[in-house]
Amino acid sequence: MARQSLVVSLGDRRYRVERPWGDLPSGLVSDVACDGRGHVFVLLRHDSYVDPDAPAVVELAPDGARLAAWGAAEIADGHMLACAPDGRLFVVDRDAHQIVVFDPGGTKIGAIGERHAPGAPFNHPSGVAIAPWGDIYVADGYGAARVHRFAADFSPLGVWGAAGRRSSEFSTPHAVWTTADRVLVADRENDRVQAFTAEGVFVASWFGFTRPMDICSDPAGNILVSDQVPRLHLLSAAGAPLAMCRPVLNGGHGIWMDGAGRIYLAELSPSRLTRLVPV
């Protein structure tokens, strides 16, 4: 059967859909992040009780070739990850209640939170972001409804949030992202994104999503949000809706844009990585 090329648009931006993309081993594709070299890091989710030992993180070259795979011994339940400007990788080990930090080569160099100790301070965290100003934000979203803020040396700076539907309350804060001056949280079951200052002061709620999954931004400051319709939304830096498209079958659990403007979407079902290439 002949394959047909697919093209989607976000306003005046057009993208060629490439799927599945990258040389990946078996495992649920849970999240994706890119570093300054254009290398793509894919987080694979496994059930540590029944699945055979397998890598948690796979490093791909810009052309999709597999460069490395690691993390089987260090990660029990990978959910999301983020790449810091210095190349460190922060992996959310959700059911181990910890953020595990690796160097670019896959060596564990630190952690935030006590491993296998719910409430110290995380209770099944969901997302992590490293801000331009150096702070680290963790969405504590499955067993809690809050966001933690840490300094660059991992010392705690504060926490905010509670279960509910009002401003600064959450129902599954699933992902967190930082812009030049804001902290954005995908408040999944409340069908919104909430924006805060660096200190956690509420700024605004943005609506128009159905169970938003992940957030990233482009160099111009525009915001990308994936949801479970499935759609990919483009918003202005102030949260005004600009465009949307349907680039995947069942929603992008994780999203990231690289320095060349290519958008990567981690799909759980069917499990694969999709890449959107500007045309």
C-alpha atoms as a PDB file:
ATOM      1  CA  MET A   1       0.000   0.000   0.000  1.00  0.00           C
ATOM      2  CA  ALA A   2       1.373   3.382  -0.983  1.00  0.00           C
ATOM      3  CA  ARG A   3       2.002   5.776   1.867  1.00  0.00           C
ATOM      4  CA  GLN A   4       0.540   9.243   1.582  1.00  0.00           C
ATOM      5  CA  SER A   5       2.324  12.312   2.884  1.00  0.00           C
ATOM      6  CA  LEU A   6       0.475  14.274   5.564  1.00  0.00           C
ATOM      7  CA  VAL A   7       0.771  18.010   6.127  1.00  0.00           C
ATOM      8  CA  VAL A   8      -0.686  20.031   9.006  1.00  0.00           C
ATOM      9  CA  SER A   9      -0.687  23.756   9.695  1.00  0.00           C
ATOM     10  CA  LEU A  10      -0.528  26.025  12.708  1.00  0.00           C
ATOM     11  CA  GLY A  11      -1.703  29.323  11.278  1.00  0.00           C
ATOM     12  CA  ASP A  12       0.691  30.175   8.452  1.00  0.00           C
ATOM     13  CA  ARG A  13       3.144  27.485   9.564  1.00  0.00           C
ATOM     14  CA  ARG A  14       2.984  24.221   7.617  1.00  0.00           C
ATOM     15  CA  TYR A  15       4.563  20.975   8.797  1.00  0.00           C
ATOM     16  CA  ARG A  16       5.248  17.598   7.201  1.00  0.00           C
ATOM     17  CA  VAL A  17       4.220  14.748   9.522  1.00  0.00           C
ATOM     18  CA  GLU A  18       6.884  12.062  10.014  1.00  0.00           C
ATOM     19  CA  ARG A  19       5.787   8.985  11.977  1.00  0.00           C
ATOM     20  CA  PRO A  20       7.042   6.783  13.398  1.00  0.00           C
ATOM     21  CA  TRP A  21      10.328   8.665  13.664  1.00  0.00           C
ATOM     22  CA  GLY A  22      13.605   7.509  15.186  1.00  0.00           C
ATOM     23  CA  ASP A  23      15.210   4.180  15.970  1.00  0.00           C
ATOM     24  CA  LEU A  24      13.538   3.238  19.243  1.00  0.00           C
ATOM     25  CA  PRO A  25      13.381  -0.061  21.161  1.00  0.00           C
ATOM     26  CA  SER A  26      10.140  -1.391  22.578  1.00  0.00           C
ATOM     27  CA  GLY A  27       8.453   0.496  25.397  1.00  0.00           C
ATOM     28  CA  LEU A  28       5.795   3.159  25.840  1.00  0.00           C
ATOM     29  CA  VAL A  29       7.009   6.475  24.440  1.00  0.00           C
ATOM     30  CA  SER A  30       6.184   8.802  27.334  1.00  0.00           C
ATOM     31  CA  ASP A  31       8.100  12.035  26.677  1.00  0.00           C
ATOM     32  CA  VAL A  32      10.716  13.746  24.523  1.00  0.00           C
ATOM     33  CA  ALA A  33      13.267  16.552  24.935  1.00  0.00           C
ATOM     34  CA  CYS A  34      16.058  18.032  22.802  1.00  0.00           C
ATOM     35  CA  ASP A  35      19.409  19.541  23.731  1.00  0.00           C
ATOM     36  CA  GLY A  36      21.368  22.355  22.108  1.00  0.00           C
ATOM     37  CA  ARG A  37      23.083  19.960  19.690  1.00  0.00           C
ATOM     38  CA  GLY A  38      19.769  18.829  18.266  1.00  0.00           C
ATOM     39  CA  HIS A  39      20.032  15.432  19.948  1.00  0.00           C
ATOM     40  CA  VAL A  40      16.651  13.978  20.868  1.00  0.00           C
ATOM     41  CA  PHE A  41      16.099  12.201  24.196  1.00  0.00           C
ATOM     42  CA  VAL A  42      13.086   9.888  24.355  1.00  0.00           C
ATOM     43  CA  LEU A  43      11.709   8.604  27.656  1.00  0.00           C
ATOM     44  CA  LEU A  44      10.325   5.065  27.590  1.00  0.00           C
ATOM     45  CA  ARG A  45       7.936   3.821  30.244  1.00  0.00           C
ATOM     46  CA  HIS A  46       8.101   0.260  31.605  1.00  0.00           C
ATOM     47  CA  ASP A  47       6.431  -1.725  34.364  1.00  0.00           C
ATOM     48  CA  SER A  48       9.348  -2.621  36.613  1.00  0.00           C
ATOM     49  CA  TYR A  49       7.422  -5.556  38.110  1.00  0.00           C
ATOM     50  CA  VAL A  50       6.704  -7.473  34.926  1.00  0.00           C
ATOM     51  CA  ASP A  51       8.682  -6.028  32.002  1.00  0.00           C
ATOM     52  CA  PRO A  52      12.222  -7.190  31.255  1.00  0.00           C
ATOM     53  CA  ASP A  53      15.059  -4.758  31.988  1.00  0.00           C
ATOM     54  CA  ALA A  54      15.124  -2.140  29.251  1.00  0.00           C
ATOM     55  CA  PRO A  55      16.525   1.366  28.842  1.00  0.00           C
ATOM     56  CA  ALA A  56      14.476   4.271  30.140  1.00  0.00           C
ATOM     57  CA  VAL A  57      16.128   6.965  27.996  1.00  0.00           C
ATOM     58  CA  VAL A  58      17.158   6.675  24.357  1.00  0.00           C
ATOM     59  CA  GLU A  59      19.383   9.290  22.706  1.00  0.00           C
ATOM     60  CA  LEU A  60      18.811   9.896  18.993  1.00  0.00           C
ATOM     61  CA  ALA A  61      20.879  11.875  16.506  1.00  0.00           C
ATOM     62  CA  PRO A  62      19.179  14.652  14.508  1.00  0.00           C
ATOM     63  CA  ASP A  63      18.603  12.128  11.718  1.00  0.00           C
ATOM     64  CA  GLY A  64      16.902   9.656  14.088  1.00  0.00           C
ATOM     65  CA  ALA A  65      19.799   7.208  14.440  1.00  0.00           C
ATOM     66  CA  ARG A  66      20.159   5.660  17.889  1.00  0.00           C
ATOM     67  CA  LEU A  67      23.245   6.916  19.705  1.00  0.00           C
ATOM     68  CA  ALA A  68      22.790   5.536  23.220  1.00  0.00           C
ATOM     69  CA  ALA A  69      20.265   3.985  25.604  1.00  0.00           C
ATOM     70  CA  TRP A  70      20.461   3.935  29.393  1.00  0.00           C
ATOM     71  CA  GLY A  71      18.607   4.296  32.692  1.00  0.00           C
ATOM     72  CA  ALA A  72      17.193   0.811  33.244  1.00  0.00           C
ATOM     73  CA  ALA A  73      18.782   0.516  36.682  1.00  0.00           C
ATOM     74  CA  GLU A  74      18.022   4.070  37.788  1.00  0.00           C
ATOM     75  CA  ILE A  75      14.428   4.678  36.613  1.00  0.00           C
ATOM     76  CA  ALA A  76      11.435   2.655  37.817  1.00  0.00           C
ATOM     77  CA  ASP A  77       8.556   4.567  36.186  1.00  0.00           C
ATOM     78  CA  GLY A  78       9.656   7.312  33.801  1.00  0.00           C
ATOM     79  CA  HIS A  79       6.888   9.827  33.133  1.00  0.00           C
ATOM     80  CA  MET A  80       8.368  13.125  31.855  1.00  0.00           C
ATOM     81  CA  LEU A  81      11.820  14.596  31.308  1.00  0.00           C
ATOM     82  CA  ALA A  82      13.452  17.954  30.587  1.00  0.00           C
ATOM     83  CA  CYS A  83      16.803  18.961  29.177  1.00  0.00           C
ATOM     84  CA  ALA A  84      18.584  21.812  30.966  1.00  0.00           C
ATOM     85  CA  PRO A  85      20.617  24.406  29.035  1.00  0.00           C
ATOM     86  CA  ASP A  86      23.842  22.785  30.284  1.00  0.00           C
ATOM     87  CA  GLY A  87      22.794  19.399  28.891  1.00  0.00           C
ATOM     88  CA  ARG A  88      21.720  17.737  32.132  1.00  0.00           C
ATOM     89  CA  LEU A  89      18.591  15.596  31.921  1.00  0.00           C
ATOM     90  CA  PHE A  90      15.948  15.724  34.647  1.00  0.00           C
ATOM     91  CA  VAL A  91      13.763  12.592  34.611  1.00  0.00           C
ATOM     92  CA  VAL A  92      10.507  12.325  36.552  1.00  0.00           C
ATOM     93  CA  ASP A  93      10.476   8.873  38.162  1.00  0.00           C
ATOM     94  CA  ARG A  94       6.790   9.047  39.005  1.00  0.00           C
ATOM     95  CA  ASP A  95       6.129   6.001  41.193  1.00  0.00           C
ATOM     96  CA  ALA A  96       9.561   6.284  42.854  1.00  0.00           C
ATOM     97  CA  HIS A  97       8.560   9.835  43.951  1.00  0.00           C
ATOM     98  CA  GLN A  98      11.779  11.382  42.688  1.00  0.00           C
ATOM     99  CA  ILE A  99      13.394  13.574  40.033  1.00  0.00           C
ATOM    100  CA  VAL A 100      16.582  11.834  38.870  1.00  0.00           C
ATOM    101  CA  VAL A 101      19.317  13.955  37.270  1.00  0.00           C
ATOM    102  CA  PHE A 102      21.745  12.619  34.643  1.00  0.00           C
ATOM    103  CA  ASP A 103      24.667  14.098  32.768  1.00  0.00           C
ATOM    104  CA  PRO A 104      24.447  14.095  28.942  1.00  0.00           C
ATOM    105  CA  GLY A 105      26.123  10.697  28.824  1.00  0.00           C
ATOM    106  CA  GLY A 106      23.541   9.009  31.031  1.00  0.00           C
ATOM    107  CA  THR A 107      25.433   8.925  34.333  1.00  0.00           C
ATOM    108  CA  LYS A 108      23.294   9.672  37.376  1.00  0.00           C
ATOM    109  CA  ILE A 109      24.663  12.796  39.081  1.00  0.00           C
ATOM    110  CA  GLY A 110      21.920  13.722  41.556  1.00  0.00           C
ATOM    111  CA  ALA A 111      18.284  13.605  42.554  1.00  0.00           C
ATOM    112  CA  ILE A 112      15.534  15.715  44.093  1.00  0.00           C
ATOM    113  CA  GLY A 113      13.307  14.004  46.638  1.00  0.00           C
ATOM    114  CA  GLU A 114      13.749  10.859  48.660  1.00  0.00           C
ATOM    115  CA  ARG A 115      13.465   7.696  46.579  1.00  0.00           C
ATOM    116  CA  HIS A 116      10.480   5.419  47.274  1.00  0.00           C
ATOM    117  CA  ALA A 117       9.325   7.807  50.004  1.00  0.00           C
ATOM    118  CA  PRO A 118       5.960   9.351  49.101  1.00  0.00           C
ATOM    119  CA  GLY A 119       5.559  12.806  50.563  1.00  0.00           C
ATOM    120  CA  ALA A 120       9.288  13.482  50.909  1.00  0.00           C
ATOM    121  CA  PRO A 121       8.394  15.821  49.251  1.00  0.00           C
ATOM    122  CA  PHE A 122       6.735  14.336  46.139  1.00  0.00           C
ATOM    123  CA  ASN A 123       3.711  12.074  45.858  1.00  0.00           C
ATOM    124  CA  HIS A 124       3.820  10.617  42.329  1.00  0.00           C
ATOM    125  CA  PRO A 125       5.188  13.715  40.521  1.00  0.00           C
ATOM    126  CA  SER A 126       4.327  14.237  36.878  1.00  0.00           C
ATOM    127  CA  GLY A 127       6.452  16.948  35.242  1.00  0.00           C
ATOM    128  CA  VAL A 128       9.613  19.042  35.596  1.00  0.00           C
ATOM    129  CA  ALA A 129      10.927  22.269  34.051  1.00  0.00           C
ATOM    130  CA  ILE A 130      14.177  24.221  34.372  1.00  0.00           C
ATOM    131  CA  ALA A 131      13.614  27.973  34.173  1.00  0.00           C
ATOM    132  CA  PRO A 132      15.825  30.471  32.334  1.00  0.00           C
ATOM    133  CA  TRP A 133      16.546  32.038  35.736  1.00  0.00           C
ATOM    134  CA  GLY A 134      17.872  28.693  37.046  1.00  0.00           C
ATOM    135  CA  ASP A 135      15.031  27.554  39.297  1.00  0.00           C
ATOM    136  CA  ILE A 136      13.543  24.061  38.942  1.00  0.00           C
ATOM    137  CA  TYR A 137       9.782  23.469  39.019  1.00  0.00           C
ATOM    138  CA  VAL A 138       8.123  20.121  39.636  1.00  0.00           C
ATOM    139  CA  ALA A 139       4.447  19.381  38.977  1.00  0.00           C
ATOM    140  CA  ASP A 140       3.401  17.032  41.785  1.00  0.00           C
ATOM    141  CA  GLY A 141       0.355  15.815  39.973  1.00  0.00           C
ATOM    142  CA  TYR A 142      -0.832  12.265  40.621  1.00  0.00           C
ATOM    143  CA  GLY A 143      -0.859  11.869  44.397  1.00  0.00           C
ATOM    144  CA  ALA A 144      -0.921  15.601  45.086  1.00  0.00           C
ATOM    145  CA  ALA A 145      -2.108  18.851  43.474  1.00  0.00           C
ATOM    146  CA  ARG A 146       0.775  21.259  43.801  1.00  0.00           C
ATOM    147  CA  VAL A 147       3.899  22.734  42.234  1.00  0.00           C
ATOM    148  CA  HIS A 148       7.315  22.732  43.956  1.00  0.00           C
ATOM    149  CA  ARG A 149      10.024  25.311  43.336  1.00  0.00           C
ATOM    150  CA  PHE A 150      13.726  24.573  43.892  1.00  0.00           C
ATOM    151  CA  ALA A 151      16.914  26.579  43.508  1.00  0.00           C
ATOM    152  CA  ALA A 152      19.609  25.474  41.088  1.00  0.00           C
ATOM    153  CA  ASP A 153      21.346  23.638  43.951  1.00  0.00           C
ATOM    154  CA  PHE A 154      18.108  21.655  44.580  1.00  0.00           C
ATOM    155  CA  SER A 155      17.304  23.484  47.827  1.00  0.00           C
ATOM    156  CA  PRO A 156      13.541  24.055  48.270  1.00  0.00           C
ATOM    157  CA  LEU A 157      12.194  27.557  47.652  1.00  0.00           C
ATOM    158  CA  GLY A 158       8.477  26.987  48.089  1.00  0.00           C
ATOM    159  CA  VAL A 159       5.365  25.107  47.061  1.00  0.00           C
ATOM    160  CA  TRP A 160       1.866  26.129  46.040  1.00  0.00           C
ATOM    161  CA  GLY A 161      -1.437  24.556  45.049  1.00  0.00           C
ATOM    162  CA  ALA A 162      -4.238  22.388  46.420  1.00  0.00           C
ATOM    163  CA  ALA A 163      -6.923  20.146  44.994  1.00  0.00           C
ATOM    164  CA  GLY A 164      -9.828  22.061  43.478  1.00  0.00           C
ATOM    165  CA  ARG A 165     -11.076  24.147  40.579  1.00  0.00           C
ATOM    166  CA  ARG A 166     -10.367  27.690  41.718  1.00  0.00           C
ATOM    167  CA  SER A 167      -7.345  29.732  40.687  1.00  0.00           C
ATOM    168  CA  SER A 168      -4.071  28.219  41.996  1.00  0.00           C
ATOM    169  CA  GLU A 169      -5.859  24.891  42.574  1.00  0.00           C
ATOM    170  CA  PHE A 170      -5.311  21.810  40.427  1.00  0.00           C
ATOM    171  CA  SER A 171      -6.797  18.530  39.315  1.00  0.00           C
ATOM    172  CA  THR A 172      -3.756  16.648  38.018  1.00  0.00           C
ATOM    173  CA  PRO A 173      -1.099  19.266  37.304  1.00  0.00           C
ATOM    174  CA  HIS A 174       0.298  17.063  34.559  1.00  0.00           C
ATOM    175  CA  ALA A 175       3.097  19.164  33.068  1.00  0.00           C
ATOM    176  CA  VAL A 176       5.009  22.354  33.795  1.00  0.00           C
ATOM    177  CA  TRP A 177       6.890  24.721  31.483  1.00  0.00           C
ATOM    178  CA  THR A 178       8.666  28.036  31.958  1.00  0.00           C
ATOM    179  CA  THR A 179       8.844  31.001  29.591  1.00  0.00           C
ATOM    180  CA  ALA A 180      10.979  34.119  30.002  1.00  0.00           C
ATOM    181  CA  ASP A 181       8.943  35.243  33.004  1.00  0.00           C
ATOM    182  CA  ARG A 182       6.131  32.764  33.647  1.00  0.00           C
ATOM    183  CA  VAL A 183       5.512  29.278  34.981  1.00  0.00           C
ATOM    184  CA  LEU A 184       2.821  27.425  33.001  1.00  0.00           C
ATOM    185  CA  VAL A 185       1.022  24.373  34.390  1.00  0.00           C
ATOM    186  CA  ALA A 186      -1.156  21.957  32.401  1.00  0.00           C
ATOM    187  CA  ASP A 187      -4.068  21.538  34.826  1.00  0.00           C
ATOM    188  CA  ARG A 188      -5.297  18.449  33.021  1.00  0.00           C
ATOM    189  CA  GLU A 189      -8.634  17.433  34.553  1.00  0.00           C
ATOM    190  CA  ASN A 190      -9.626  21.092  34.896  1.00  0.00           C
ATOM    191  CA  ASP A 191      -9.164  21.485  31.113  1.00  0.00           C
ATOM    192  CA  ARG A 192      -6.948  24.548  31.412  1.00  0.00           C
ATOM    193  CA  VAL A 193      -3.428  25.914  31.597  1.00  0.00           C
ATOM    194  CA  GLN A 194      -2.643  28.150  34.559  1.00  0.00           C
ATOM    195  CA  ALA A 195       0.047  30.833  34.398  1.00  0.00           C
ATOM    196  CA  PHE A 196       2.029  31.995  37.451  1.00  0.00           C
ATOM    197  CA  THR A 197       4.928  34.263  38.295  1.00  0.00           C
ATOM    198  CA  ALA A 198       8.278  32.720  39.183  1.00  0.00           C
ATOM    199  CA  GLU A 199       7.221  32.862  42.842  1.00  0.00           C
ATOM    200  CA  GLY A 200       3.914  31.071  42.227  1.00  0.00           C
ATOM    201  CA  VAL A 201       1.564  34.076  42.197  1.00  0.00           C
ATOM    202  CA  PHE A 202      -1.452  33.350  39.996  1.00  0.00           C
ATOM    203  CA  VAL A 203      -1.604  35.374  36.762  1.00  0.00           C
ATOM    204  CA  ALA A 204      -4.246  33.821  34.491  1.00  0.00           C
ATOM    205  CA  SER A 205      -6.099  30.692  33.386  1.00  0.00           C
ATOM    206  CA  TRP A 206      -6.242  29.732  29.713  1.00  0.00           C
ATOM    207  CA  PHE A 207      -9.072  27.545  28.428  1.00  0.00           C
ATOM    208  CA  GLY A 208     -10.019  25.861  25.146  1.00  0.00           C
ATOM    209  CA  PHE A 209      -8.289  22.507  25.824  1.00  0.00           C
ATOM    210  CA  THR A 210      -9.595  19.042  26.594  1.00  0.00           C
ATOM    211  CA  ARG A 211      -7.277  17.409  29.129  1.00  0.00           C
ATOM    212  CA  PRO A 212      -4.083  19.291  28.225  1.00  0.00           C
ATOM    213  CA  MET A 213      -1.062  17.016  28.369  1.00  0.00           C
ATOM    214  CA  ASP A 214       2.137  18.994  27.813  1.00  0.00           C
ATOM    215  CA  ILE A 215       3.470  22.473  27.062  1.00  0.00           C
ATOM    216  CA  CYS A 216       6.469  23.964  25.278  1.00  0.00           C
ATOM    217  CA  SER A 217       7.292  27.249  23.563  1.00  0.00           C
ATOM    218  CA  ASP A 218       9.013  28.514  20.420  1.00  0.00           C
ATOM    219  CA  PRO A 219      11.856  31.068  20.194  1.00  0.00           C
ATOM    220  CA  ALA A 220       9.336  33.885  19.645  1.00  0.00           C
ATOM    221  CA  GLY A 221       7.625  33.089  22.947  1.00  0.00           C
ATOM    222  CA  ASN A 222       4.511  31.501  21.466  1.00  0.00           C
ATOM    223  CA  ILE A 223       3.131  28.534  23.407  1.00  0.00           C
ATOM    224  CA  LEU A 224       2.372  24.999  22.184  1.00  0.00           C
ATOM    225  CA  VAL A 225      -0.079  22.817  24.126  1.00  0.00           C
ATOM    226  CA  SER A 226      -1.079  19.239  23.319  1.00  0.00           C
ATOM    227  CA  ASP A 227      -4.404  17.809  24.465  1.00  0.00           C
ATOM    228  CA  GLN A 228      -6.400  14.594  24.218  1.00  0.00           C
ATOM    229  CA  VAL A 229      -8.871  15.566  21.484  1.00  0.00           C
ATOM    230  CA  PRO A 230      -6.144  15.133  20.060  1.00  0.00           C
ATOM    231  CA  ARG A 231      -4.989  18.611  19.066  1.00  0.00           C
ATOM    232  CA  LEU A 232      -1.872  20.713  19.098  1.00  0.00           C
ATOM    233  CA  HIS A 233      -2.654  24.315  20.042  1.00  0.00           C
ATOM    234  CA  LEU A 234      -0.603  27.408  19.234  1.00  0.00           C
ATOM    235  CA  LEU A 235      -1.088  30.365  21.577  1.00  0.00           C
ATOM    236  CA  SER A 236       0.528  33.748  21.948  1.00  0.00           C
ATOM    237  CA  ALA A 237       2.809  34.434  24.902  1.00  0.00           C
ATOM    238  CA  ALA A 238      -0.215  36.018  26.596  1.00  0.00           C
ATOM    239  CA  GLY A 239      -2.341  32.897  26.049  1.00  0.00           C
ATOM    240  CA  ALA A 240      -4.440  34.086  23.106  1.00  0.00           C
ATOM    241  CA  PRO A 241      -5.397  31.185  20.803  1.00  0.00           C
ATOM    242  CA  LEU A 242      -3.751  31.458  17.390  1.00  0.00           C
ATOM    243  CA  ALA A 243      -4.199  28.089  15.650  1.00  0.00           C
ATOM    244  CA  MET A 244      -4.566  24.345  16.152  1.00  0.00           C
ATOM    245  CA  CYS A 245      -4.116  21.100  14.235  1.00  0.00           C
ATOM    246  CA  ARG A 246      -4.363  17.308  14.614  1.00  0.00           C
ATOM    247  CA  PRO A 247      -0.878  15.861  14.094  1.00  0.00           C
ATOM    248  CA  VAL A 248      -1.244  12.546  15.994  1.00  0.00           C
ATOM    249  CA  LEU A 249      -3.875   9.840  16.428  1.00  0.00           C
ATOM    250  CA  ASN A 250      -4.473   9.834  20.181  1.00  0.00           C
ATOM    251  CA  GLY A 251      -2.708  12.847  21.649  1.00  0.00           C
ATOM    252  CA  GLY A 252       0.843  13.946  22.371  1.00  0.00           C
ATOM    253  CA  HIS A 253       1.676  12.930  25.944  1.00  0.00           C
ATOM    254  CA  GLY A 254       4.931  14.878  25.635  1.00  0.00           C
ATOM    255  CA  ILE A 255       6.039  17.638  23.238  1.00  0.00           C
ATOM    256  CA  TRP A 256       9.238  19.582  22.533  1.00  0.00           C
ATOM    257  CA  MET A 257      10.503  21.961  19.820  1.00  0.00           C
ATOM    258  CA  ASP A 258      14.151  21.822  18.755  1.00  0.00           C
ATOM    259  CA  GLY A 259      16.341  24.724  17.644  1.00  0.00           C
ATOM    260  CA  ALA A 260      15.413  24.174  13.991  1.00  0.00           C
ATOM    261  CA  GLY A 261      11.692  24.566  14.692  1.00  0.00           C
ATOM    262  CA  ARG A 262      10.868  20.862  14.406  1.00  0.00           C
ATOM    263  CA  ILE A 263       8.188  19.670  16.831  1.00  0.00           C
ATOM    264  CA  TYR A 264       8.398  16.247  18.493  1.00  0.00           C
ATOM    265  CA  LEU A 265       5.365  14.492  19.983  1.00  0.00           C
ATOM    266  CA  ALA A 266       5.560  11.448  22.249  1.00  0.00           C
ATOM    267  CA  GLU A 267       2.567   9.183  21.619  1.00  0.00           C
ATOM    268  CA  LEU A 268       1.499   6.493  24.068  1.00  0.00           C
ATOM    269  CA  SER A 269      -1.090   4.821  21.833  1.00  0.00           C
ATOM    270  CA  PRO A 270       0.097   3.788  19.336  1.00  0.00           C
ATOM    271  CA  SER A 271       3.465   4.057  21.053  1.00  0.00           C
ATOM    272  CA  ARG A 272       5.828   6.026  18.828  1.00  0.00           C
ATOM    273  CA  LEU A 273       7.543   9.351  18.245  1.00  0.00           C
ATOM    274  CA  THR A 274       6.079  11.749  15.700  1.00  0.00           C
ATOM    275  CA  ARG A 275       8.074  14.623  14.220  1.00  0.00           C
ATOM    276  CA  LEU A 276       6.643  17.729  12.530  1.00  0.00           C
ATOM    277  CA  VAL A 277       9.109  19.290  10.070  1.00  0.00           C
ATOM    278  CA  PRO A 278       8.554  22.847   8.773  1.00  0.00           C
ATOM    279  CA  VAL A 279       7.886  22.985   5.022  1.00  0.00           C
END
